[in-house]
Amino acid sequence: MSGDGKGQVGHVGGVHLRLLAERTGLTGALSAALARPGFVPLHDRGQVMVDLAVAITLGATCIRDIRLLEHQRPVFGAVASQPTVWRALKEADEQGLARIERARMTVRRRVYELLRDRPEGFPEAEVEGVPLTGWTVIDSDGTLIPAPSEKEGAHGTYKGFLGHHVFVATCDNTGEQLAATLHPGNVSANDAEVNIDILTRAVAQLPWWRRQKILFRVDGAGFSHQLIDWIASAGGRQSPTFRWEYSVGWAFTAREQAAIEICDKQGLWQPAGGGPDGGVRENAFVADITALLGDLPGWPPHHRVIARKEPLHPRYVKDASAYEIKYEARYQTFATNHRRGQIAHLDGRHRKHARVEPKIRDQKASGTGLLPSRELNVNAAWLTATTLAADLRCWFQLLALDGEMARATPKTLRYRVLHVPARLVRGQRKRRLKLPDTWPWADIIIRAFRRILALPHTT
């Protein structure tokens, strides 16, 4: 074995991602957003942010991992060093991050137009195989990031360790992380202002034609009266063309227990979904208990509360209430303002909120789980870079891949598509990247590259 090989390019997927950023206009939009009068850096700050997002998509979890892109030096030239990336993050103050958000919004509009013009059209969220045609589904949740005490903003969390609280909002249609905000660890999960802020940022990322019909899904930890009122009022919009719905976890108290007992006595339960192949799940039931809860004044029109009952699985016993242990059943309740529809479908629609959890897990494994600095503004900029990485990964899968790879997890995508090496061959005026002919997914990688090249170039 020797280290004198030439013309080798590792992590060839970085070429796809960097080219995709150029074709969609992301690089140019970020460069314009981060430009400063009288400041002409050696490394354009927009390109630095794109390169950092590409490195994160390839597996980088800290700033120094920008060296992953050294493989692409023969293709794209010099890449910013670790100190330069650090300075770029340091320079991205609150106003700079706001400009990045606006740049993401502009580029996302173009990408959504490309998705809409595909033969299969814009991706629709599904519930047990049934598409929610025309609806944009936004899931929000929070996650705690452990941190040493010397990190700015680190605070004691409800779990007993020091850290930060990151709130995220994802689009279930596309898998994108539309927004992410960084807060001290003691910020409550049901802080109405924080939840409204993250959802407002998420909606701002959508083009107007995806803002008309939105379903917001939030778990019980994020529930608040103020949040529900904000959703029901379409964020204060008066136009009747805006139809926003909520599907939010609802507290299971003594009042709900009494309603459950009435359902048991009067046989008001209906079979629930969630079984194999999207069918009925054995011994699982749902019921609309709104009328059994007495007066519910002050809630938005068409407010409904739906309960689900299923056998108490051993993995839930630890967190089960005394009532659930007594009856050996697990009870879940949620509220919605959907006017019609079978309650089994509404239950399945709400339970799909759980899809946000693996997305957050993937993001934490892709840089979010380890904030790189003691300074809060640098960590906020790093968090923004991870959302850019999520954008690139999702757009890559939606615009350039299909089948299994279009739905693959970030880890699978890295090991099958993004991490494969190639040999750079120079000839006359062209340069070619040659993949190993034994690589099982070589055809997929080549086809993805050609699809990105075929995208209309946006400056």
Protein backbone atom coordinates (compact mmCIF):
# COMPACT_ATOMS: atom_id res chain seq x y z
CA MET A 1 0.00 0.00 0.00
CA SER A 2 1.30 3.47 -0.84
CA GLY A 3 0.05 7.03 -0.65
CA ASP A 4 1.20 8.28 -4.06
CA GLY A 5 -2.04 7.83 -6.03
CA LYS A 6 -3.07 10.63 -8.35
CA GLY A 7 -6.32 11.70 -9.94
CA GLN A 8 -8.43 10.23 -7.14
CA VAL A 9 -11.60 11.99 -5.95
CA GLY A 10 -13.27 10.70 -2.80
CA HIS A 11 -16.83 11.33 -1.64
CA VAL A 12 -17.91 11.94 -5.21
CA GLY A 13 -21.42 12.80 -4.00
CA GLY A 14 -20.01 16.14 -2.93
CA VAL A 15 -19.71 16.99 -6.63
CA HIS A 16 -23.43 16.31 -7.09
CA LEU A 17 -24.39 18.44 -4.10
CA ARG A 18 -22.18 21.37 -5.00
CA LEU A 19 -23.45 21.32 -8.58
CA LEU A 20 -27.04 21.11 -7.32
CA ALA A 21 -26.47 24.20 -5.15
CA GLU A 22 -25.26 26.06 -8.22
CA ARG A 23 -28.10 24.90 -10.48
CA THR A 24 -30.84 25.78 -8.02
CA GLY A 25 -29.30 29.19 -7.33
CA LEU A 26 -28.54 28.46 -3.68
CA THR A 27 -24.86 29.41 -3.95
CA GLY A 28 -25.61 32.70 -5.66
CA ALA A 29 -28.43 33.57 -3.26
CA LEU A 30 -26.24 32.94 -0.21
CA SER A 31 -23.37 34.91 -1.72
CA ALA A 32 -25.67 37.91 -2.20
CA ALA A 33 -27.15 37.51 1.28
CA LEU A 34 -23.75 37.44 3.01
CA ALA A 35 -22.01 40.10 0.90
CA ARG A 36 -20.74 43.15 2.80
CA PRO A 37 -19.82 46.51 1.27
CA GLY A 38 -16.07 46.96 1.00
CA PHE A 39 -15.32 43.39 2.08
CA VAL A 40 -13.94 41.06 -0.61
CA PRO A 41 -12.79 37.83 1.06
CA LEU A 42 -10.58 35.26 -0.59
CA HIS A 43 -13.36 32.69 -0.09
CA ASP A 44 -16.86 33.89 -0.95
CA ARG A 45 -19.00 33.53 2.17
CA GLY A 46 -21.93 32.06 0.28
CA GLN A 47 -19.69 29.38 -1.19
CA VAL A 48 -18.24 28.72 2.26
CA MET A 49 -21.74 28.10 3.66
CA VAL A 50 -22.59 25.80 0.74
CA ASP A 51 -19.32 23.88 1.18
CA LEU A 52 -20.01 23.50 4.90
CA ALA A 53 -23.53 22.22 4.13
CA VAL A 54 -22.07 19.76 1.61
CA ALA A 55 -19.53 18.53 4.16
CA ILE A 56 -22.30 18.07 6.76
CA THR A 57 -24.34 16.08 4.24
CA LEU A 58 -21.29 13.90 3.63
CA GLY A 59 -21.01 13.21 7.37
CA ALA A 60 -19.18 16.19 8.93
CA THR A 61 -20.12 16.79 12.56
CA CYS A 62 -17.75 19.65 13.41
CA ILE A 63 -16.11 22.62 11.70
CA ARG A 64 -12.75 20.95 11.12
CA ASP A 65 -14.50 18.23 9.09
CA ILE A 66 -14.61 20.73 6.23
CA ARG A 67 -11.42 18.88 5.26
CA LEU A 68 -13.68 16.19 3.82
CA LEU A 69 -13.87 18.39 0.72
CA GLU A 70 -10.14 18.29 0.14
CA HIS A 71 -10.99 15.36 -2.14
CA GLN A 72 -12.78 17.77 -4.48
CA ARG A 73 -9.79 20.13 -4.85
CA PRO A 74 -8.91 18.71 -8.34
CA VAL A 75 -12.50 19.38 -9.45
CA PHE A 76 -13.45 22.67 -7.78
CA GLY A 77 -10.18 24.11 -6.58
CA ALA A 78 -9.25 25.27 -3.08
CA VAL A 79 -11.78 24.88 -0.26
CA ALA A 80 -11.95 27.20 2.76
CA SER A 81 -9.87 26.17 5.76
CA GLN A 82 -11.21 25.52 9.24
CA PRO A 83 -10.35 29.06 10.49
CA THR A 84 -12.07 30.60 7.46
CA VAL A 85 -15.23 28.56 8.08
CA TRP A 86 -15.12 29.64 11.71
CA ARG A 87 -14.88 33.29 10.70
CA ALA A 88 -17.75 32.88 8.24
CA LEU A 89 -19.97 31.51 11.02
CA LYS A 90 -18.83 34.24 13.39
CA GLU A 91 -19.70 36.92 10.84
CA ALA A 92 -23.24 35.57 10.37
CA ASP A 93 -24.96 37.68 13.02
CA GLU A 94 -28.72 37.86 13.59
CA GLN A 95 -29.25 40.02 10.50
CA GLY A 96 -27.05 37.74 8.44
CA LEU A 97 -29.03 34.66 9.51
CA ALA A 98 -32.26 36.47 8.60
CA ARG A 99 -30.87 37.15 5.13
CA ILE A 100 -29.94 33.47 4.81
CA GLU A 101 -33.54 32.55 5.67
CA ARG A 102 -34.80 34.84 2.92
CA ALA A 103 -32.30 33.34 0.48
CA ARG A 104 -33.50 29.84 1.37
CA MET A 105 -37.09 30.97 0.82
CA THR A 106 -36.29 32.33 -2.66
CA VAL A 107 -34.44 29.19 -3.73
CA ARG A 108 -37.10 26.90 -2.23
CA ARG A 109 -39.73 28.59 -4.40
CA ARG A 110 -37.71 27.64 -7.50
CA VAL A 111 -37.18 24.09 -6.29
CA TYR A 112 -40.89 23.67 -5.54
CA GLU A 113 -41.68 24.82 -9.08
CA LEU A 114 -39.32 22.15 -10.41
CA LEU A 115 -41.04 19.55 -8.23
CA ARG A 116 -44.48 20.71 -9.33
CA ASP A 117 -43.49 20.40 -12.99
CA ARG A 118 -42.34 16.77 -12.65
CA PRO A 119 -44.55 14.10 -14.24
CA GLU A 120 -45.43 12.88 -10.75
CA GLY A 121 -46.05 16.42 -9.52
CA PHE A 122 -45.31 17.91 -6.13
CA PRO A 123 -44.96 15.24 -3.40
CA GLU A 124 -48.06 14.81 -1.30
CA ALA A 125 -48.10 13.64 2.30
CA GLU A 126 -49.84 10.30 2.78
CA VAL A 127 -51.78 8.63 5.55
CA GLU A 128 -51.98 4.85 5.20
CA GLY A 129 -51.61 5.14 1.45
CA VAL A 130 -54.16 7.94 1.04
CA PRO A 131 -52.61 11.20 -0.25
CA LEU A 132 -53.55 14.47 1.46
CA THR A 133 -53.87 16.17 -1.91
CA GLY A 134 -53.09 19.86 -1.88
CA TRP A 135 -52.11 19.94 1.80
CA THR A 136 -48.73 20.99 3.14
CA VAL A 137 -48.02 19.14 6.38
CA ILE A 138 -45.69 20.78 8.90
CA ASP A 139 -44.52 18.87 11.96
CA SER A 140 -42.85 20.70 14.84
CA ASP A 141 -40.98 19.32 17.82
CA GLY A 142 -38.14 20.14 20.19
CA THR A 143 -34.98 18.31 21.17
CA LEU A 144 -32.37 18.86 23.88
CA ILE A 145 -28.67 19.18 23.04
CA PRO A 146 -26.26 18.50 25.94
CA ALA A 147 -23.55 21.15 26.44
CA PRO A 148 -20.79 22.01 28.94
CA SER A 149 -21.58 24.82 31.34
CA GLU A 150 -19.17 27.25 29.67
CA LYS A 151 -21.22 27.32 26.45
CA GLU A 152 -23.29 30.49 26.13
CA GLY A 153 -26.98 29.75 26.60
CA ALA A 154 -26.42 26.38 28.26
CA HIS A 155 -28.92 25.93 31.06
CA GLY A 156 -30.39 23.17 33.17
CA THR A 157 -33.02 21.16 31.29
CA TYR A 158 -36.03 19.27 32.57
CA LYS A 159 -34.01 16.08 32.08
CA GLY A 160 -31.43 17.23 34.60
CA PHE A 161 -28.45 18.05 32.40
CA LEU A 162 -27.07 21.30 31.02
CA GLY A 163 -27.78 22.07 27.41
CA HIS A 164 -29.72 23.91 24.74
CA HIS A 165 -33.25 23.42 23.44
CA VAL A 166 -33.55 23.24 19.66
CA PHE A 167 -36.99 23.66 18.08
CA VAL A 168 -37.51 22.39 14.53
CA ALA A 169 -40.27 22.42 11.94
CA THR A 170 -40.18 19.89 9.10
CA CYS A 171 -42.21 19.49 5.93
CA ASP A 172 -43.67 16.00 5.76
CA ASN A 173 -44.25 16.32 2.00
CA THR A 174 -40.58 16.75 1.14
CA GLY A 175 -38.68 15.84 4.31
CA GLU A 176 -37.04 19.29 4.49
CA GLN A 177 -36.24 21.00 7.75
CA LEU A 178 -37.95 24.30 7.07
CA ALA A 179 -36.80 26.05 10.25
CA ALA A 180 -34.70 25.48 13.36
CA THR A 181 -34.11 27.79 16.30
CA LEU A 182 -31.66 27.57 19.20
CA HIS A 183 -32.77 28.39 22.76
CA PRO A 184 -31.42 27.98 26.30
CA GLY A 185 -32.06 24.59 27.83
CA ASN A 186 -34.67 25.87 30.28
CA VAL A 187 -37.09 27.06 27.58
CA SER A 188 -40.28 25.04 27.96
CA ALA A 189 -41.52 22.80 25.15
CA ASN A 190 -44.99 24.37 25.38
CA ASP A 191 -43.77 27.97 25.26
CA ALA A 192 -46.41 29.45 22.95
CA GLU A 193 -44.25 32.27 21.63
CA VAL A 194 -41.40 29.91 20.74
CA ASN A 195 -43.73 27.45 19.01
CA ILE A 196 -45.51 30.18 17.07
CA ASP A 197 -42.16 31.64 16.06
CA ILE A 198 -40.82 28.37 14.66
CA LEU A 199 -44.03 27.72 12.73
CA THR A 200 -44.09 31.29 11.42
CA ARG A 201 -40.55 30.81 10.12
CA ALA A 202 -41.56 27.50 8.54
CA VAL A 203 -44.57 28.99 6.75
CA ALA A 204 -42.42 31.87 5.48
CA GLN A 205 -40.26 29.31 3.68
CA LEU A 206 -43.20 28.12 1.57
CA PRO A 207 -44.31 29.66 -1.74
CA TRP A 208 -47.79 31.17 -1.64
CA TRP A 209 -49.41 28.21 -3.38
CA ARG A 210 -48.28 25.86 -0.60
CA ARG A 211 -49.50 28.16 2.21
CA GLN A 212 -53.20 27.95 1.43
CA LYS A 213 -53.90 24.57 3.02
CA ILE A 214 -51.58 23.61 5.88
CA LEU A 215 -51.89 20.91 8.51
CA PHE A 216 -49.82 21.60 11.63
CA ARG A 217 -49.01 18.60 13.80
CA VAL A 218 -47.66 19.11 17.31
CA ASP A 219 -47.32 16.64 20.17
CA GLY A 220 -48.76 17.13 23.64
CA ALA A 221 -45.57 18.74 24.95
CA GLY A 222 -46.04 21.66 22.53
CA PHE A 223 -49.75 22.12 23.22
CA SER A 224 -51.04 25.56 24.24
CA HIS A 225 -54.31 27.44 23.81
CA GLN A 226 -52.47 30.36 22.23
CA LEU A 227 -50.83 28.12 19.62
CA ILE A 228 -54.14 26.52 18.65
CA ASP A 229 -55.78 29.94 18.30
CA TRP A 230 -52.90 31.09 16.08
CA ILE A 231 -53.26 28.08 13.78
CA ALA A 232 -57.06 28.30 13.61
CA SER A 233 -56.82 31.97 12.61
CA ALA A 234 -54.31 31.12 9.85
CA GLY A 235 -51.73 33.22 11.60
CA GLY A 236 -54.08 36.20 11.69
CA ARG A 237 -54.92 36.07 7.98
CA GLN A 238 -58.45 37.11 7.09
CA SER A 239 -58.65 35.65 3.58
CA PRO A 240 -61.04 32.67 3.31
CA THR A 241 -58.61 30.99 0.88
CA PHE A 242 -56.39 30.12 3.84
CA ARG A 243 -57.45 26.89 5.50
CA TRP A 244 -55.14 25.91 8.31
CA GLU A 245 -55.80 22.90 10.52
CA TYR A 246 -54.19 21.62 13.69
CA SER A 247 -53.69 18.14 15.03
CA VAL A 248 -52.29 18.66 18.51
CA GLY A 249 -51.77 16.39 21.52
CA TRP A 250 -54.41 16.87 24.23
CA ALA A 251 -53.94 16.30 27.96
CA PHE A 252 -55.40 13.08 29.38
CA THR A 253 -56.88 14.14 32.73
CA ALA A 254 -59.67 12.93 35.00
CA ARG A 255 -62.21 14.55 32.67
CA GLU A 256 -60.96 12.51 29.74
CA GLN A 257 -60.89 9.38 31.92
CA ALA A 258 -64.57 9.85 32.68
CA ALA A 259 -65.30 10.20 28.96
CA ILE A 260 -63.34 7.02 28.26
CA GLU A 261 -65.42 5.10 30.81
CA ILE A 262 -68.61 6.27 29.11
CA CYS A 263 -67.24 5.02 25.79
CA ASP A 264 -66.55 1.65 27.41
CA LYS A 265 -70.05 1.37 28.89
CA GLN A 266 -71.92 2.52 25.80
CA GLY A 267 -69.74 0.82 23.21
CA LEU A 268 -68.77 4.02 21.42
CA TRP A 269 -65.40 2.78 20.23
CA GLN A 270 -64.60 2.27 16.55
CA PRO A 271 -61.79 0.15 15.08
CA ALA A 272 -58.52 2.07 14.71
CA GLY A 273 -56.02 1.92 11.89
CA GLY A 274 -52.30 1.37 12.11
CA GLY A 275 -52.35 -2.37 11.47
CA PRO A 276 -50.39 -4.35 8.89
CA ASP A 277 -50.61 -2.97 5.34
CA GLY A 278 -52.51 0.05 6.59
CA GLY A 279 -55.48 -1.99 7.81
CA VAL A 280 -57.28 -2.18 11.14
CA ARG A 281 -55.07 -2.77 14.16
CA GLU A 282 -56.18 -5.58 16.44
CA ASN A 283 -57.58 -4.42 19.82
CA ALA A 284 -57.05 -0.74 18.98
CA PHE A 285 -60.00 1.66 18.98
CA VAL A 286 -60.81 5.35 18.54
CA ALA A 287 -63.70 7.54 19.65
CA ASP A 288 -64.75 11.18 19.35
CA ILE A 289 -65.15 12.27 22.98
CA THR A 290 -65.81 15.98 22.39
CA ALA A 291 -69.45 15.82 23.46
CA LEU A 292 -68.52 13.84 26.58
CA LEU A 293 -66.14 16.49 27.95
CA GLY A 294 -68.82 19.03 28.86
CA ASP A 295 -68.45 22.69 27.97
CA LEU A 296 -65.27 23.61 26.09
CA PRO A 297 -65.60 27.39 25.87
CA GLY A 298 -63.05 29.56 24.13
CA TRP A 299 -61.80 26.98 21.67
CA PRO A 300 -61.83 27.61 17.89
CA PRO A 301 -64.84 26.56 15.77
CA HIS A 302 -65.06 22.85 14.90
CA HIS A 303 -62.72 21.97 17.78
CA ARG A 304 -62.82 18.20 18.39
CA VAL A 305 -61.10 15.85 20.82
CA ILE A 306 -60.43 12.26 19.75
CA ALA A 307 -59.20 9.42 21.94
CA ARG A 308 -57.32 6.25 21.04
CA LYS A 309 -57.25 3.07 23.12
CA GLU A 310 -54.89 0.14 22.62
CA PRO A 311 -53.24 -2.60 24.72
CA LEU A 312 -50.45 -1.35 26.97
CA HIS A 313 -47.22 -2.48 25.35
CA PRO A 314 -44.39 -3.39 27.77
CA ARG A 315 -42.19 -0.59 26.41
CA TYR A 316 -44.77 2.00 27.51
CA VAL A 317 -45.26 0.64 31.04
CA LYS A 318 -42.45 2.77 32.44
CA ASP A 319 -44.22 6.02 31.47
CA ALA A 320 -47.77 4.78 31.94
CA SER A 321 -50.14 6.48 34.38
CA ALA A 322 -51.75 4.63 37.28
CA TYR A 323 -55.03 4.68 35.33
CA GLU A 324 -53.42 3.00 32.30
CA ILE A 325 -51.69 0.39 34.45
CA LYS A 326 -54.98 -0.38 36.21
CA TYR A 327 -56.84 -1.03 32.95
CA GLU A 328 -53.79 -2.40 31.08
CA ALA A 329 -54.44 -0.05 28.21
CA ARG A 330 -52.69 2.92 26.63
CA TYR A 331 -54.76 6.03 26.03
CA GLN A 332 -53.89 8.95 23.74
CA THR A 333 -55.94 12.04 23.02
CA PHE A 334 -55.50 14.78 20.48
CA ALA A 335 -57.44 17.82 19.30
CA THR A 336 -58.19 18.90 15.75
CA ASN A 337 -60.39 21.41 13.95
CA HIS A 338 -60.97 19.17 10.92
CA ARG A 339 -64.67 19.44 10.11
CA ARG A 340 -65.34 16.08 8.51
CA GLY A 341 -63.71 12.72 7.98
CA GLN A 342 -63.64 9.36 9.69
CA ILE A 343 -62.05 9.57 13.10
CA ALA A 344 -59.85 6.55 12.33
CA HIS A 345 -58.35 8.53 9.44
CA LEU A 346 -57.88 11.61 11.64
CA ASP A 347 -56.18 9.42 14.24
CA GLY A 348 -53.84 7.97 11.64
CA ARG A 349 -53.15 11.46 10.33
CA HIS A 350 -52.14 12.64 13.80
CA ARG A 351 -50.02 9.61 14.59
CA LYS A 352 -47.88 10.29 11.51
CA HIS A 353 -46.44 13.20 13.50
CA ALA A 354 -44.04 10.56 14.83
CA ARG A 355 -42.19 10.77 11.51
CA VAL A 356 -40.55 13.96 12.77
CA GLU A 357 -38.60 11.99 15.39
CA PRO A 358 -36.33 10.02 13.00
CA LYS A 359 -35.76 13.24 11.06
CA ILE A 360 -34.55 14.96 14.24
CA ARG A 361 -32.43 11.91 15.08
CA ASP A 362 -30.82 12.05 11.63
CA GLN A 363 -30.15 15.78 12.03
CA LYS A 364 -28.53 15.23 15.44
CA ALA A 365 -26.27 12.62 13.84
CA SER A 366 -25.50 15.11 11.07
CA GLY A 367 -24.10 17.96 13.12
CA THR A 368 -26.96 19.26 15.24
CA GLY A 369 -26.12 17.02 18.17
CA LEU A 370 -22.77 18.69 18.87
CA LEU A 371 -22.69 22.49 18.84
CA PRO A 372 -19.12 23.53 17.96
CA SER A 373 -18.60 26.79 19.85
CA ARG A 374 -18.83 28.45 23.23
CA GLU A 375 -20.51 31.42 21.53
CA LEU A 376 -24.24 31.32 20.95
CA ASN A 377 -24.19 33.21 17.64
CA VAL A 378 -21.64 30.78 16.13
CA ASN A 379 -23.77 27.83 17.24
CA ALA A 380 -26.87 29.47 15.75
CA ALA A 381 -25.02 29.87 12.44
CA TRP A 382 -23.88 26.22 12.62
CA LEU A 383 -27.50 25.19 13.18
CA THR A 384 -28.44 27.16 10.06
CA ALA A 385 -25.73 25.30 8.13
CA THR A 386 -27.31 21.99 9.17
CA THR A 387 -30.67 23.16 7.79
CA LEU A 388 -28.94 24.05 4.52
CA ALA A 389 -27.47 20.54 4.49
CA ALA A 390 -30.95 19.08 5.01
CA ASP A 391 -32.23 21.17 2.10
CA LEU A 392 -29.50 19.92 -0.23
CA ARG A 393 -29.99 16.31 0.77
CA CYS A 394 -33.78 16.43 0.29
CA TRP A 395 -33.55 18.30 -3.01
CA PHE A 396 -30.95 15.82 -4.22
CA GLN A 397 -33.23 12.91 -3.43
CA LEU A 398 -36.34 14.56 -4.89
CA LEU A 399 -34.82 15.96 -8.07
CA ALA A 400 -32.06 13.50 -8.93
CA LEU A 401 -32.95 10.14 -7.39
CA ASP A 402 -35.92 7.80 -7.52
CA GLY A 403 -37.09 4.54 -6.08
CA GLU A 404 -35.37 3.29 -2.95
CA MET A 405 -32.65 5.97 -2.95
CA ALA A 406 -35.23 8.78 -3.05
CA ARG A 407 -36.48 7.55 0.32
CA ALA A 408 -33.17 6.40 1.81
CA THR A 409 -31.98 7.56 5.22
CA PRO A 410 -28.97 9.91 5.31
CA LYS A 411 -26.72 7.06 6.45
CA THR A 412 -27.79 4.77 3.61
CA LEU A 413 -27.47 7.60 1.12
CA ARG A 414 -23.93 8.35 2.26
CA TYR A 415 -22.64 4.78 2.05
CA ARG A 416 -24.28 3.92 -1.27
CA VAL A 417 -24.17 7.18 -3.23
CA LEU A 418 -22.26 10.02 -1.61
CA HIS A 419 -19.08 8.32 -0.35
CA VAL A 420 -18.06 6.38 -3.46
CA PRO A 421 -14.62 7.33 -4.86
CA ALA A 422 -13.94 8.15 -8.51
CA ARG A 423 -10.93 8.64 -10.76
CA LEU A 424 -10.47 12.00 -12.46
CA VAL A 425 -9.49 11.68 -16.11
CA ARG A 426 -8.38 14.72 -18.06
CA GLY A 427 -8.70 14.84 -21.82
CA GLN A 428 -8.51 17.82 -24.17
CA ARG A 429 -11.09 20.30 -22.83
CA LYS A 430 -13.10 17.86 -20.71
CA ARG A 431 -12.65 16.24 -17.35
CA ARG A 432 -14.40 13.02 -16.53
CA LEU A 433 -15.04 11.22 -13.26
CA LYS A 434 -14.96 7.45 -13.58
CA LEU A 435 -16.65 5.33 -10.93
CA PRO A 436 -15.60 1.77 -10.09
CA ASP A 437 -17.41 -0.56 -12.49
CA THR A 438 -18.04 -2.97 -9.61
CA TRP A 439 -20.02 -0.43 -7.56
CA PRO A 440 -23.67 -1.66 -7.42
CA TRP A 441 -25.14 1.85 -7.46
CA ALA A 442 -22.93 3.36 -10.16
CA ASP A 443 -25.82 3.71 -12.62
CA ILE A 444 -27.88 5.56 -10.02
CA ILE A 445 -25.01 7.98 -9.32
CA ILE A 446 -24.42 8.67 -13.01
CA ARG A 447 -28.13 9.15 -13.71
CA ALA A 448 -28.40 11.56 -10.76
CA PHE A 449 -25.47 13.61 -12.12
CA ARG A 450 -27.11 13.90 -15.54
CA ARG A 451 -30.42 14.95 -14.01
CA ILE A 452 -28.74 17.73 -12.07
CA LEU A 453 -26.95 18.91 -15.22
CA ALA A 454 -30.33 18.98 -17.01
CA LEU A 455 -31.83 21.38 -14.43
CA PRO A 456 -32.30 24.95 -15.68
CA HIS A 457 -29.34 27.00 -14.46
CA THR A 458 -30.28 29.73 -11.99
CA THR A 459 -27.88 32.49 -11.05
